[in-house]
Protein backbone atom coordinates (compact mmCIF):
# COMPACT_ATOMS: atom_id res chain seq x y z
CA MET A 1 -15.02 -3.34 22.04
CA ALA A 2 -15.01 -2.10 25.84
CA LYS A 3 -16.13 1.41 26.30
CA ILE A 4 -13.90 3.59 28.14
CA ALA A 5 -14.93 6.81 29.61
CA PRO A 6 -12.73 9.59 28.15
CA VAL A 7 -10.31 11.46 30.53
CA GLN A 8 -11.75 14.40 32.28
CA GLY A 9 -9.75 17.53 33.03
CA PRO A 10 -9.17 20.82 31.87
CA PRO A 11 -8.47 21.20 28.12
CA GLY A 12 -4.96 21.79 26.70
CA PRO A 13 -4.11 25.53 25.68
CA ASP A 14 -5.57 25.15 22.24
CA LEU A 15 -8.49 23.25 23.00
CA GLN A 16 -12.23 24.51 23.50
CA ILE A 17 -14.11 23.11 26.28
CA GLY A 18 -15.68 19.95 25.27
CA GLU A 19 -13.44 19.50 22.32
CA GLN A 20 -11.55 16.24 22.06
CA LEU A 21 -10.44 13.68 19.47
CA ARG A 22 -12.15 10.41 19.43
CA LEU A 23 -9.57 8.20 17.81
CA GLU A 24 -12.32 5.61 16.44
CA GLN A 25 -14.08 8.25 14.62
CA PHE A 26 -10.84 10.24 13.13
CA LEU A 27 -10.59 9.64 9.58
CA PRO A 28 -7.10 9.34 8.94
CA TYR A 29 -7.00 6.51 11.89
CA ARG A 30 -9.93 4.84 10.33
CA LEU A 31 -8.31 4.76 6.98
CA ASN A 32 -5.20 3.47 8.25
CA VAL A 33 -7.03 0.68 10.20
CA VAL A 34 -8.96 -0.30 6.78
CA GLY A 35 -5.67 -0.40 4.96
CA PHE A 36 -4.32 -2.63 7.81
CA PHE A 37 -7.11 -5.10 7.48
CA ALA A 38 -6.73 -5.02 3.58
CA SER A 39 -3.12 -5.95 3.65
CA ARG A 40 -3.23 -8.27 6.13
CA ALA A 41 -6.12 -10.17 4.51
CA LEU A 42 -4.29 -9.95 1.23
CA GLY A 43 -0.90 -10.89 2.90
CA ARG A 44 -2.28 -14.23 3.83
CA ILE A 45 -3.22 -14.92 0.17
CA TYR A 46 -0.05 -14.17 -1.31
CA GLY A 47 2.00 -15.03 1.70
CA ALA A 48 0.32 -18.70 1.83
CA HIS A 49 0.25 -19.46 -1.99
CA PHE A 50 3.59 -17.49 -3.05
CA GLY A 51 5.69 -17.01 -0.03
CA ILE A 52 6.00 -13.28 -0.56
CA ASP A 53 5.19 -10.39 1.84
CA ILE A 54 3.57 -7.13 1.31
CA PRO A 55 6.47 -5.17 0.10
CA GLN A 56 7.58 -7.96 -2.30
CA TRP A 57 4.02 -8.18 -3.55
CA ARG A 58 3.88 -4.22 -4.26
CA VAL A 59 7.20 -4.77 -6.13
CA ILE A 60 5.93 -7.62 -8.23
CA ALA A 61 2.62 -5.41 -8.70
CA GLN A 62 4.23 -2.31 -9.88
CA LEU A 63 6.54 -4.35 -12.34
CA GLY A 64 3.50 -6.54 -13.59
CA GLU A 65 1.63 -3.25 -14.41
CA PHE A 66 4.43 -1.04 -15.72
CA GLY A 67 7.20 -3.35 -16.99
CA THR A 68 11.04 -2.20 -16.29
CA LEU A 69 11.38 0.26 -13.58
CA THR A 70 13.98 1.47 -11.24
CA ALA A 71 13.98 1.02 -7.54
CA ARG A 72 13.06 4.69 -7.18
CA ASP A 73 10.34 4.29 -9.56
CA ILE A 74 8.90 1.56 -7.61
CA GLY A 75 9.13 3.49 -4.43
CA GLU A 76 7.32 6.28 -5.75
CA LEU A 77 4.63 4.34 -7.40
CA ALA A 78 4.12 2.07 -4.35
CA GLN A 79 4.69 4.96 -1.88
CA MET A 80 7.38 2.77 -0.27
CA HIS A 81 10.58 3.88 1.45
CA LYS A 82 13.82 3.15 -0.42
CA THR A 83 14.95 0.72 2.21
CA LYS A 84 11.77 -1.49 1.90
CA VAL A 85 11.95 -1.51 -1.86
CA SER A 86 15.75 -2.75 -1.69
CA ARG A 87 14.93 -5.37 0.42
CA ALA A 88 12.04 -6.62 -1.34
CA VAL A 89 14.13 -6.34 -4.64
CA THR A 90 17.22 -8.29 -3.12
CA GLU A 91 14.82 -11.02 -1.89
CA LEU A 92 13.07 -11.22 -5.19
CA GLU A 93 16.20 -11.48 -7.29
CA SER A 94 17.71 -13.99 -4.86
CA ARG A 95 14.46 -15.99 -5.53
CA GLY A 96 14.85 -15.51 -9.37
CA LEU A 97 11.71 -13.29 -9.61
CA LEU A 98 12.96 -10.64 -10.96
CA THR A 99 16.44 -9.26 -12.52
CA ARG A 100 18.22 -6.13 -12.44
CA SER A 101 20.17 -4.62 -15.20
CA GLU A 102 22.51 -1.42 -15.20
CA ASN A 103 21.42 1.81 -15.82
CA ARG A 104 24.16 3.04 -18.30
CA GLN A 105 22.85 6.75 -17.85
CA ASP A 106 23.18 6.56 -14.10
CA ARG A 107 25.22 3.83 -12.52
CA ARG A 108 23.99 4.46 -9.05
CA GLU A 109 20.75 2.79 -10.05
CA SER A 110 19.78 -0.22 -12.04
CA PHE A 111 16.55 -1.25 -14.03
CA VAL A 112 14.58 -3.94 -12.46
CA SER A 113 12.01 -6.39 -14.28
CA LEU A 114 10.08 -9.61 -13.56
CA THR A 115 11.63 -12.90 -14.78
CA ALA A 116 9.37 -15.32 -16.26
CA PRO A 117 8.73 -17.03 -12.89
CA GLY A 118 7.88 -13.69 -11.48
CA LEU A 119 5.54 -12.83 -14.34
CA ARG A 120 3.93 -15.98 -13.58
CA ILE A 121 3.39 -15.51 -10.02
CA TYR A 122 1.92 -11.80 -10.84
CA ARG A 123 -0.58 -13.49 -13.22
CA GLN A 124 -1.44 -15.90 -10.56
CA ILE A 125 -1.94 -13.17 -8.00
CA VAL A 126 -3.90 -10.63 -10.10
CA PRO A 127 -7.32 -12.85 -10.25
CA LEU A 128 -6.96 -13.41 -6.46
CA ALA A 129 -6.74 -9.92 -5.59
CA LEU A 130 -9.48 -8.76 -7.87
CA ALA A 131 -11.71 -11.72 -6.45
CA PHE A 132 -10.68 -10.37 -2.91
CA GLN A 133 -11.81 -6.97 -3.96
CA SER A 134 -14.85 -8.17 -5.27
CA ARG A 135 -15.69 -9.88 -2.06
CA TRP A 136 -14.53 -7.02 0.26
CA THR A 137 -17.00 -4.59 -1.80
CA GLU A 138 -19.82 -7.08 -2.04
CA GLY A 139 -23.26 -5.52 -1.01
CA ILE A 140 -21.94 -1.91 -1.87
CA ALA A 141 -23.81 -0.43 -4.73
CA PRO A 142 -22.04 0.51 -7.92
CA ASP A 143 -22.94 4.28 -7.71
CA GLU A 144 -21.72 4.23 -3.89
CA LEU A 145 -18.57 2.70 -5.04
CA LYS A 146 -18.12 5.45 -7.73
CA VAL A 147 -18.66 8.09 -5.10
CA PHE A 148 -16.20 6.37 -2.81
CA GLU A 149 -13.64 5.99 -5.27
CA ARG A 150 -13.95 9.79 -6.19
CA VAL A 151 -13.96 10.51 -2.37
CA LEU A 152 -10.88 8.31 -2.09
CA SER A 153 -9.09 9.96 -5.08
CA THR A 154 -9.58 13.28 -3.46
CA LEU A 155 -8.39 12.30 0.09
CA THR A 156 -5.41 10.71 -1.55
CA GLU A 157 -4.37 13.63 -3.59
CA ARG A 158 -4.95 16.13 -0.36
CA GLY A 159 -3.16 13.89 1.75
CA ARG A 160 -0.04 13.91 -0.74
CA LEU A 161 -0.27 17.82 -0.92
CA LEU A 162 -0.41 17.94 2.94
CA ALA A 163 2.32 15.26 3.52
CA GLY A 164 4.74 17.06 0.93
CA GLY A 165 5.22 14.11 -1.02
CA TYR A 166 5.64 11.63 1.94
CA ARG A 167 6.16 7.99 1.37
CA GLU A 168 5.87 5.21 3.75
CA GLU A 169 8.74 4.79 6.09
């Protein structure tokens, strides 16, 4: 990566002299980059083998783990915007990988569940995803991974609080 000299000039009204943001060292940015690479690598796996994209995989993963859910539940669990969930559900339904059934208590929403072919895809992807995770964390000591998991959980919860329940747009 080429080194670019930071812009020199007077600090803004709220900055102290010498204070600046180095994006490549900014934790939220770094977490986003790590997430991007993970999603991209995993997307290649389930895209190439199963012809599904990231939002579709998230829907399948939530249904595989929890069973029948509403689209709103999927959005909350997967941190996805309702339009992404809706598009993924529609596409997966058209491919026969999931089915919708009426929610008699609230007709504005429906229950979504995997069909037998959808469940087969889930069961085939899980070992691939777990193998990817093992390969990705290869060389990191188990005690370091435990600390990392604890820190990641803390950052996730603090981020949720700071964002006020924000979901991916």
